[in-house]
Amino acid sequence: MKGKKYLAALEKFDALKLYGLEEAIKLAKETSTTKFDSSVEIHMHLGIDPKHAEQQLRSTVSLPHGTGKTVRVVAFVSDDKVKEAKDAGAIEAGGADLIEKVEKGWMDFDKAVASPDMMKELAKIARTLGQAGLMPNPKAGTVTPEIGKTVVEIMKGQVEFRNDKLANLHNIVGKVSFSEDQLVENLKTYLKAIQDKKPTGMKGNFIKSMTLTTSMGPGIKMDFNAVMAEL
């Protein structure tokens, strides 16, 4: 049973209509039903076959206006890179001591980065980090020799996109409090990154559906062909 606010939001648009990018963003802001500053989310269903490794999508994109979310980053690095990581904004940085801390159950962070030389050491906590979706990965740009730069990028609004087993993508592209122009720029940047990662060998339609929504708000279907043609 949906609440009164949700049902009232549904009356503001045609649930069967496909909307353009700017119109969808305007409606997303208007149909937000929460008292808090909701996230604006993009949900996409792709025509890829996730069973084939070469068709899977996993990468990162830096949104020009960030996500509006504070990201707590830790860095698994050797002693000589600890200062660089912390100066860039990492809440914790280190090698054996940090690994031991995680081993004992500490997981109060949102993202983890690591220098390549630390990957062997992370074997001890690979399962713990993996289950939480926090294991550093070269494809996601979180295994890198450029620790400071990567920490800064993540905190400024770098998001990771990765398809699930059903060929879907789900990502936050901003907050309802963002201006329409900021959300347009963020969403265009995100979609361009997805388009650039289209697998070269796939056949058929790359994108099958695209929906914009806010936290607990209704889904607004988008005219993905027109949207992608705009990029």
Protein backbone atom coordinates (compact mmCIF):
# COMPACT_ATOMS: atom_id res chain seq x y z
CA MET A 1 0.00 0.00 0.00
CA LYS A 2 1.54 3.28 -1.10
CA GLY A 3 1.28 6.41 1.08
CA LYS A 4 -0.66 9.59 0.28
CA LYS A 5 2.49 11.50 -0.70
CA TYR A 6 3.54 8.80 -3.15
CA LEU A 7 0.08 8.64 -4.72
CA ALA A 8 -0.02 12.45 -4.97
CA ALA A 9 3.38 12.40 -6.67
CA LEU A 10 2.09 9.86 -9.20
CA GLU A 11 -0.61 12.30 -10.27
CA LYS A 12 2.01 14.82 -11.42
CA PHE A 13 3.07 12.80 -14.46
CA ASP A 14 2.04 10.04 -16.86
CA ALA A 15 3.56 6.78 -15.63
CA LEU A 16 3.36 5.30 -19.15
CA LYS A 17 4.97 8.21 -20.97
CA LEU A 18 8.68 8.32 -21.88
CA TYR A 19 10.27 11.62 -20.84
CA GLY A 20 13.32 13.51 -22.09
CA LEU A 21 16.31 14.14 -19.83
CA GLU A 22 15.51 17.69 -18.66
CA GLU A 23 11.81 16.92 -18.20
CA ALA A 24 12.55 13.75 -16.21
CA ILE A 25 14.90 15.65 -13.88
CA LYS A 26 12.30 18.39 -13.33
CA LEU A 27 9.68 15.74 -12.48
CA ALA A 28 12.08 13.86 -10.18
CA LYS A 29 12.57 17.01 -8.10
CA GLU A 30 8.81 17.72 -8.07
CA THR A 31 7.84 14.17 -7.07
CA SER A 32 10.29 13.70 -4.20
CA THR A 33 8.22 12.51 -1.23
CA THR A 34 10.69 12.66 1.67
CA LYS A 35 11.38 15.34 4.27
CA PHE A 36 15.13 14.69 3.96
CA ASP A 37 17.26 15.61 0.94
CA SER A 38 16.59 12.59 -1.26
CA SER A 39 19.13 11.09 -3.62
CA VAL A 40 18.37 11.18 -7.34
CA GLU A 41 18.92 7.71 -8.83
CA ILE A 42 19.26 6.34 -12.35
CA HIS A 43 18.24 2.74 -13.04
CA MET A 44 19.05 1.14 -16.39
CA HIS A 45 18.39 -2.26 -17.94
CA LEU A 46 20.99 -3.17 -20.55
CA GLY A 47 20.96 -5.54 -23.50
CA ILE A 48 24.26 -7.13 -22.47
CA ASP A 49 24.68 -10.78 -21.50
CA PRO A 50 26.37 -10.70 -18.06
CA LYS A 51 27.39 -14.36 -18.46
CA HIS A 52 30.05 -13.20 -20.94
CA ALA A 53 32.96 -11.48 -19.22
CA GLU A 54 33.64 -9.26 -22.25
CA GLN A 55 30.10 -7.82 -22.02
CA GLN A 56 30.24 -6.86 -18.36
CA LEU A 57 30.47 -3.19 -17.41
CA ARG A 58 32.62 -2.01 -14.54
CA SER A 59 34.30 1.35 -14.35
CA THR A 60 34.14 4.75 -12.66
CA VAL A 61 33.02 8.22 -13.65
CA SER A 62 33.62 11.56 -11.90
CA LEU A 63 30.40 13.55 -11.70
CA PRO A 64 31.03 17.30 -12.13
CA HIS A 65 28.89 18.19 -9.10
CA GLY A 66 29.47 15.06 -7.03
CA THR A 67 26.71 12.93 -5.51
CA GLY A 68 26.00 15.12 -2.50
CA LYS A 69 27.06 12.25 -0.28
CA THR A 70 30.02 12.35 2.11
CA VAL A 71 32.27 9.41 1.29
CA ARG A 72 34.58 7.90 3.93
CA VAL A 73 37.68 6.55 2.18
CA VAL A 74 40.43 4.32 3.58
CA ALA A 75 43.74 3.61 1.86
CA PHE A 76 45.77 0.42 2.12
CA VAL A 77 49.28 1.68 1.49
CA SER A 78 52.88 1.31 2.61
CA ASP A 79 54.19 3.69 5.31
CA ASP A 80 55.68 6.13 2.79
CA LYS A 81 52.23 6.83 1.28
CA VAL A 82 50.25 7.23 4.51
CA LYS A 83 50.71 11.02 4.66
CA GLU A 84 49.75 11.43 0.99
CA ALA A 85 46.52 9.45 1.54
CA LYS A 86 45.54 11.30 4.72
CA ASP A 87 46.37 14.72 3.26
CA ALA A 88 44.03 13.86 0.37
CA GLY A 89 41.21 13.13 2.83
CA ALA A 90 41.40 9.43 3.68
CA ILE A 91 39.99 8.80 7.17
CA GLU A 92 42.48 5.95 7.70
CA ALA A 93 45.61 4.87 5.85
CA GLY A 94 48.21 2.21 6.44
CA GLY A 95 49.32 -1.35 5.84
CA ALA A 96 49.46 -4.18 8.38
CA ASP A 97 47.86 -2.13 11.18
CA LEU A 98 44.86 -1.13 9.06
CA ILE A 99 44.44 -4.67 7.74
CA GLU A 100 44.45 -5.97 11.32
CA LYS A 101 41.86 -3.36 12.32
CA VAL A 102 39.54 -4.58 9.54
CA GLU A 103 40.26 -8.20 10.53
CA LYS A 104 38.95 -7.37 13.99
CA GLY A 105 35.67 -6.09 12.54
CA TRP A 106 36.14 -2.38 11.81
CA MET A 107 34.27 -1.47 8.63
CA ASP A 108 33.25 2.18 9.15
CA PHE A 109 34.09 3.34 5.63
CA ASP A 110 32.40 3.60 2.23
CA LYS A 111 35.31 3.10 -0.18
CA ALA A 112 38.73 1.47 -0.05
CA VAL A 113 41.72 2.15 -2.29
CA ALA A 114 45.03 0.34 -2.38
CA SER A 115 48.43 0.70 -3.99
CA PRO A 116 49.34 -2.26 -6.24
CA ASP A 117 52.06 -3.48 -3.85
CA MET A 118 49.46 -3.95 -1.08
CA MET A 119 47.16 -6.32 -2.97
CA LYS A 120 49.00 -9.44 -1.80
CA GLU A 121 48.64 -8.30 1.81
CA LEU A 122 44.88 -7.76 1.36
CA ALA A 123 44.37 -11.51 0.80
CA LYS A 124 43.75 -11.81 4.57
CA ILE A 125 40.67 -9.60 4.40
CA ALA A 126 39.69 -10.06 0.74
CA ARG A 127 36.58 -12.06 1.61
CA THR A 128 35.43 -9.55 4.23
CA LEU A 129 35.91 -6.60 1.87
CA GLY A 130 34.45 -8.49 -1.09
CA GLN A 131 31.23 -9.39 0.71
CA ALA A 132 30.75 -5.73 1.60
CA GLY A 133 31.52 -4.61 -1.96
CA LEU A 134 34.62 -2.78 -0.74
CA MET A 135 37.49 -4.79 -2.22
CA PRO A 136 39.84 -2.54 -4.24
CA ASN A 137 39.83 -3.46 -7.93
CA PRO A 138 41.89 -2.21 -10.87
CA LYS A 139 38.78 -2.07 -13.13
CA ALA A 140 37.11 0.25 -10.64
CA GLY A 141 40.22 2.42 -10.46
CA THR A 142 40.68 1.70 -6.75
CA VAL A 143 43.98 -0.14 -7.17
CA THR A 144 46.37 2.60 -8.22
CA PRO A 145 49.82 4.05 -7.59
CA GLU A 146 48.19 7.52 -7.60
CA ILE A 147 46.66 7.19 -4.13
CA GLY A 148 46.27 10.88 -3.28
CA LYS A 149 44.70 11.79 -6.61
CA THR A 150 42.29 8.82 -6.44
CA VAL A 151 41.16 9.64 -2.88
CA VAL A 152 40.45 13.24 -3.95
CA GLU A 153 38.49 12.07 -7.02
CA ILE A 154 36.35 9.67 -4.97
CA MET A 155 35.56 12.33 -2.38
CA LYS A 156 34.71 14.89 -5.08
CA GLY A 157 32.07 12.61 -6.57
CA GLN A 158 33.55 9.67 -8.42
CA VAL A 159 31.02 6.85 -8.69
CA GLU A 160 31.55 3.25 -9.66
CA PHE A 161 29.10 1.63 -12.05
CA ARG A 162 28.82 -2.13 -12.35
CA ASN A 163 26.10 -4.25 -13.89
CA ASP A 164 24.38 -6.87 -11.75
CA LYS A 165 23.55 -10.45 -12.78
CA LEU A 166 20.36 -9.30 -14.51
CA ALA A 167 22.15 -6.69 -16.64
CA ASN A 168 20.95 -3.74 -14.56
CA LEU A 169 22.80 -0.61 -13.44
CA HIS A 170 21.82 1.44 -10.38
CA ASN A 171 23.58 4.66 -9.38
CA ILE A 172 23.07 7.90 -7.48
CA VAL A 173 23.65 10.98 -9.64
CA GLY A 174 22.94 13.75 -7.13
CA LYS A 175 20.46 15.12 -4.61
CA VAL A 176 17.02 16.71 -4.94
CA SER A 177 18.55 19.93 -3.55
CA PHE A 178 20.84 20.16 -6.60
CA SER A 179 19.75 22.59 -9.31
CA GLU A 180 18.23 21.16 -12.47
CA ASP A 181 21.33 22.26 -14.41
CA GLN A 182 23.64 20.43 -11.97
CA LEU A 183 21.59 17.24 -12.26
CA VAL A 184 21.52 17.51 -16.07
CA GLU A 185 25.32 17.85 -16.16
CA ASN A 186 25.82 14.95 -13.74
CA LEU A 187 23.41 12.67 -15.60
CA LYS A 188 24.86 13.49 -19.02
CA THR A 189 28.38 12.79 -17.72
CA TYR A 190 27.23 9.48 -16.25
CA LEU A 191 25.39 8.36 -19.39
CA LYS A 192 28.31 9.34 -21.63
CA ALA A 193 30.57 7.12 -19.50
CA ILE A 194 28.11 4.22 -19.90
CA GLN A 195 27.91 4.79 -23.64
CA ASP A 196 31.71 4.81 -23.91
CA LYS A 197 31.84 1.39 -22.22
CA LYS A 198 29.44 -0.31 -24.64
CA PRO A 199 30.95 -3.76 -25.38
CA THR A 200 32.26 -3.84 -28.95
CA GLY A 201 31.05 -7.38 -29.67
CA MET A 202 27.47 -7.12 -28.44
CA LYS A 203 24.49 -7.32 -30.79
CA GLY A 204 21.06 -5.73 -30.45
CA ASN A 205 20.06 -2.74 -28.34
CA PHE A 206 22.61 -1.69 -25.72
CA ILE A 207 20.01 0.06 -23.54
CA LYS A 208 16.55 -1.45 -23.02
CA SER A 209 15.10 0.87 -20.39
CA MET A 210 16.04 3.91 -18.30
CA THR A 211 14.23 5.17 -15.20
CA LEU A 212 14.90 8.20 -13.00
CA THR A 213 13.69 8.24 -9.42
CA THR A 214 14.33 9.71 -5.98
CA SER A 215 14.62 7.91 -2.65
CA MET A 216 11.16 6.39 -2.05
CA GLY A 217 9.76 8.39 -4.99
CA PRO A 218 7.99 7.08 -8.12
CA GLY A 219 9.96 5.96 -11.17
CA ILE A 220 9.94 8.25 -14.20
CA LYS A 221 10.49 6.36 -17.46
CA MET A 222 12.89 8.02 -19.87
CA ASP A 223 13.04 8.08 -23.66
CA PHE A 224 16.51 6.48 -23.69
CA ASN A 225 16.93 6.70 -27.45
CA ALA A 226 16.36 10.46 -27.44
CA VAL A 227 18.42 10.93 -24.27
CA MET A 228 21.45 9.05 -25.60
CA ALA A 229 21.20 10.85 -28.96
CA GLU A 230 21.60 14.16 -27.06
CA LEU A 231 24.97 13.23 -25.60
